[in-house]
Amino acid sequence: MQTNELVAFVVDKVDDMKARDIVTLDVRGKSSVTEFMVICSGTSSRHAKSIAGYLAQEVKKQGVQPLGIEGEASGEWVLLDLDSVVVHVMQEESRHFYQLEKLWGG
């Protein structure tokens, strides 16, 4: 799956799970780790974990193996590393505190 297709797939799947405030950031030239970040919010730790778990399951069905998943235990901030796309599923408090869009977007 090409990077742009993967970004669109990720956005579609997190939207399926009712993730809020979905933002895609192009970080090519800003990050040596990934090309795109998708940031979204869950309404609770259970919701954030469910979004991340569903996404991991769906990308595997497409032949994309996550390189890592972090933060599942707490659900405050779950990160899925899909190589060229890193997905951040955050609760509102964490998202507001870390302000990844501001950090990476500008």
C-alpha atoms as a PDB file:
ATOM      1  CA  MET A   1       0.000   0.000   0.000  1.00  0.00           C
ATOM      2  CA  GLN A   2       1.387   3.386  -1.024  1.00  0.00           C
ATOM      3  CA  THR A   3       1.831   6.050   1.659  1.00  0.00           C
ATOM      4  CA  ASN A   4      -1.016   8.271   0.424  1.00  0.00           C
ATOM      5  CA  GLU A   5      -3.328   5.250   0.270  1.00  0.00           C
ATOM      6  CA  LEU A   6      -2.307   4.279   3.799  1.00  0.00           C
ATOM      7  CA  VAL A   7      -3.015   7.792   5.106  1.00  0.00           C
ATOM      8  CA  ALA A   8      -6.484   7.746   3.509  1.00  0.00           C
ATOM      9  CA  PHE A   9      -7.118   4.229   4.855  1.00  0.00           C
ATOM     10  CA  VAL A  10      -6.084   5.246   8.390  1.00  0.00           C
ATOM     11  CA  VAL A  11      -8.284   8.349   8.340  1.00  0.00           C
ATOM     12  CA  ASP A  12     -11.237   6.296   7.083  1.00  0.00           C
ATOM     13  CA  LYS A  13     -10.813   3.610   9.755  1.00  0.00           C
ATOM     14  CA  VAL A  14     -10.414   5.980  12.704  1.00  0.00           C
ATOM     15  CA  ASP A  15     -13.451   7.854  11.409  1.00  0.00           C
ATOM     16  CA  ASP A  16     -15.353   4.526  11.375  1.00  0.00           C
ATOM     17  CA  MET A  17     -14.661   4.333  15.115  1.00  0.00           C
ATOM     18  CA  LYS A  18     -15.941   7.879  15.715  1.00  0.00           C
ATOM     19  CA  ALA A  19     -12.552   9.399  16.457  1.00  0.00           C
ATOM     20  CA  ARG A  20     -12.779  13.149  16.901  1.00  0.00           C
ATOM     21  CA  ASP A  21     -10.802  16.014  15.368  1.00  0.00           C
ATOM     22  CA  ILE A  22      -8.846  13.918  12.860  1.00  0.00           C
ATOM     23  CA  VAL A  23      -5.816  15.816  11.541  1.00  0.00           C
ATOM     24  CA  THR A  24      -3.213  14.680   9.002  1.00  0.00           C
ATOM     25  CA  LEU A  25       0.230  16.288   9.094  1.00  0.00           C
ATOM     26  CA  ASP A  26       2.825  16.001   6.341  1.00  0.00           C
ATOM     27  CA  VAL A  27       6.118  15.839   8.257  1.00  0.00           C
ATOM     28  CA  ARG A  28       8.400  15.008   5.330  1.00  0.00           C
ATOM     29  CA  GLY A  29      11.527  17.092   5.799  1.00  0.00           C
ATOM     30  CA  LYS A  30      10.685  17.675   9.476  1.00  0.00           C
ATOM     31  CA  SER A  31      11.001  14.100  10.756  1.00  0.00           C
ATOM     32  CA  SER A  32      13.507  11.404   9.918  1.00  0.00           C
ATOM     33  CA  VAL A  33      11.180   8.786  11.430  1.00  0.00           C
ATOM     34  CA  THR A  34       8.004   9.071   9.333  1.00  0.00           C
ATOM     35  CA  GLU A  35       6.380  10.934   6.457  1.00  0.00           C
ATOM     36  CA  PHE A  36       2.890  11.570   7.853  1.00  0.00           C
ATOM     37  CA  MET A  37       1.219  11.766  11.233  1.00  0.00           C
ATOM     38  CA  VAL A  38      -2.466  11.221  11.807  1.00  0.00           C
ATOM     39  CA  ILE A  39      -3.686  12.654  15.099  1.00  0.00           C
ATOM     40  CA  CYS A  40      -7.148  12.034  16.495  1.00  0.00           C
ATOM     41  CA  SER A  41      -8.985  12.056  19.803  1.00  0.00           C
ATOM     42  CA  GLY A  42     -10.891   9.434  21.713  1.00  0.00           C
ATOM     43  CA  THR A  43     -13.517  10.379  24.296  1.00  0.00           C
ATOM     44  CA  SER A  44     -12.138   8.036  26.993  1.00  0.00           C
ATOM     45  CA  SER A  45      -9.285   5.593  27.548  1.00  0.00           C
ATOM     46  CA  ARG A  46     -11.542   2.755  26.406  1.00  0.00           C
ATOM     47  CA  HIS A  47     -12.469   4.649  23.250  1.00  0.00           C
ATOM     48  CA  ALA A  48      -8.824   5.488  22.458  1.00  0.00           C
ATOM     49  CA  LYS A  49      -7.772   1.866  22.964  1.00  0.00           C
ATOM     50  CA  SER A  50     -10.681   0.666  20.805  1.00  0.00           C
ATOM     51  CA  ILE A  51      -9.772   3.037  17.973  1.00  0.00           C
ATOM     52  CA  ALA A  52      -6.135   1.922  18.046  1.00  0.00           C
ATOM     53  CA  GLY A  53      -6.996  -1.763  18.317  1.00  0.00           C
ATOM     54  CA  TYR A  54      -9.456  -1.607  15.440  1.00  0.00           C
ATOM     55  CA  LEU A  55      -6.967   0.275  13.278  1.00  0.00           C
ATOM     56  CA  ALA A  56      -4.195  -2.252  14.014  1.00  0.00           C
ATOM     57  CA  GLN A  57      -6.528  -5.098  13.068  1.00  0.00           C
ATOM     58  CA  GLU A  58      -7.656  -3.405   9.850  1.00  0.00           C
ATOM     59  CA  VAL A  59      -4.163  -2.493   8.596  1.00  0.00           C
ATOM     60  CA  LYS A  60      -3.025  -6.082   9.205  1.00  0.00           C
ATOM     61  CA  LYS A  61      -5.877  -7.260   6.951  1.00  0.00           C
ATOM     62  CA  GLN A  62      -4.348  -5.037   4.261  1.00  0.00           C
ATOM     63  CA  GLY A  63      -0.910  -6.600   4.720  1.00  0.00           C
ATOM     64  CA  VAL A  64       0.551  -3.723   6.737  1.00  0.00           C
ATOM     65  CA  GLN A  65       2.250  -4.901   9.911  1.00  0.00           C
ATOM     66  CA  PRO A  66       2.540  -2.212  12.613  1.00  0.00           C
ATOM     67  CA  LEU A  67       6.164  -1.724  13.657  1.00  0.00           C
ATOM     68  CA  GLY A  68       5.001  -0.937  17.163  1.00  0.00           C
ATOM     69  CA  ILE A  69       2.063   0.014  19.342  1.00  0.00           C
ATOM     70  CA  GLU A  70       2.668   2.010  22.510  1.00  0.00           C
ATOM     71  CA  GLY A  71       0.396   3.265  25.274  1.00  0.00           C
ATOM     72  CA  GLU A  72      -2.365   0.683  25.040  1.00  0.00           C
ATOM     73  CA  ALA A  73      -2.288   0.010  28.774  1.00  0.00           C
ATOM     74  CA  SER A  74      -3.317   3.521  29.818  1.00  0.00           C
ATOM     75  CA  GLY A  75      -5.208   4.680  26.734  1.00  0.00           C
ATOM     76  CA  GLU A  76      -4.228   8.305  27.378  1.00  0.00           C
ATOM     77  CA  TRP A  77      -2.104   8.373  24.225  1.00  0.00           C
ATOM     78  CA  VAL A  78      -1.864   5.323  21.968  1.00  0.00           C
ATOM     79  CA  LEU A  79       0.727   5.457  19.199  1.00  0.00           C
ATOM     80  CA  LEU A  80       0.727   3.120  16.198  1.00  0.00           C
ATOM     81  CA  ASP A  81       3.893   3.102  14.100  1.00  0.00           C
ATOM     82  CA  LEU A  82       3.026   2.114  10.537  1.00  0.00           C
ATOM     83  CA  ASP A  83       6.466   3.191   9.226  1.00  0.00           C
ATOM     84  CA  SER A  84       5.583   5.960   6.765  1.00  0.00           C
ATOM     85  CA  VAL A  85       2.530   6.899   8.860  1.00  0.00           C
ATOM     86  CA  VAL A  86       2.494   7.317  12.645  1.00  0.00           C
ATOM     87  CA  VAL A  87      -0.937   7.448  14.257  1.00  0.00           C
ATOM     88  CA  HIS A  88      -1.567   9.216  17.564  1.00  0.00           C
ATOM     89  CA  VAL A  89      -4.864   8.406  19.290  1.00  0.00           C
ATOM     90  CA  MET A  90      -5.100  10.732  22.259  1.00  0.00           C
ATOM     91  CA  GLN A  91      -7.558  11.770  24.905  1.00  0.00           C
ATOM     92  CA  GLU A  92      -8.409  15.481  24.802  1.00  0.00           C
ATOM     93  CA  GLU A  93      -6.377  16.368  27.903  1.00  0.00           C
ATOM     94  CA  SER A  94      -3.201  14.774  26.515  1.00  0.00           C
ATOM     95  CA  ARG A  95      -3.766  16.225  23.075  1.00  0.00           C
ATOM     96  CA  HIS A  96      -4.220  19.710  24.481  1.00  0.00           C
ATOM     97  CA  PHE A  97      -1.142  19.367  26.707  1.00  0.00           C
ATOM     98  CA  TYR A  98       1.270  18.050  24.036  1.00  0.00           C
ATOM     99  CA  GLN A  99      -0.105  20.094  21.107  1.00  0.00           C
ATOM    100  CA  LEU A 100       1.424  17.882  18.415  1.00  0.00           C
ATOM    101  CA  GLU A 101      -0.274  19.847  15.649  1.00  0.00           C
ATOM    102  CA  LYS A 102       1.505  22.996  16.795  1.00  0.00           C
ATOM    103  CA  LEU A 103       4.816  21.167  17.302  1.00  0.00           C
ATOM    104  CA  TRP A 104       4.843  19.408  13.906  1.00  0.00           C
ATOM    105  CA  GLY A 105       2.504  21.538  11.845  1.00  0.00           C
ATOM    106  CA  GLY A 106       4.276  24.837  11.872  1.00  0.00           C
END
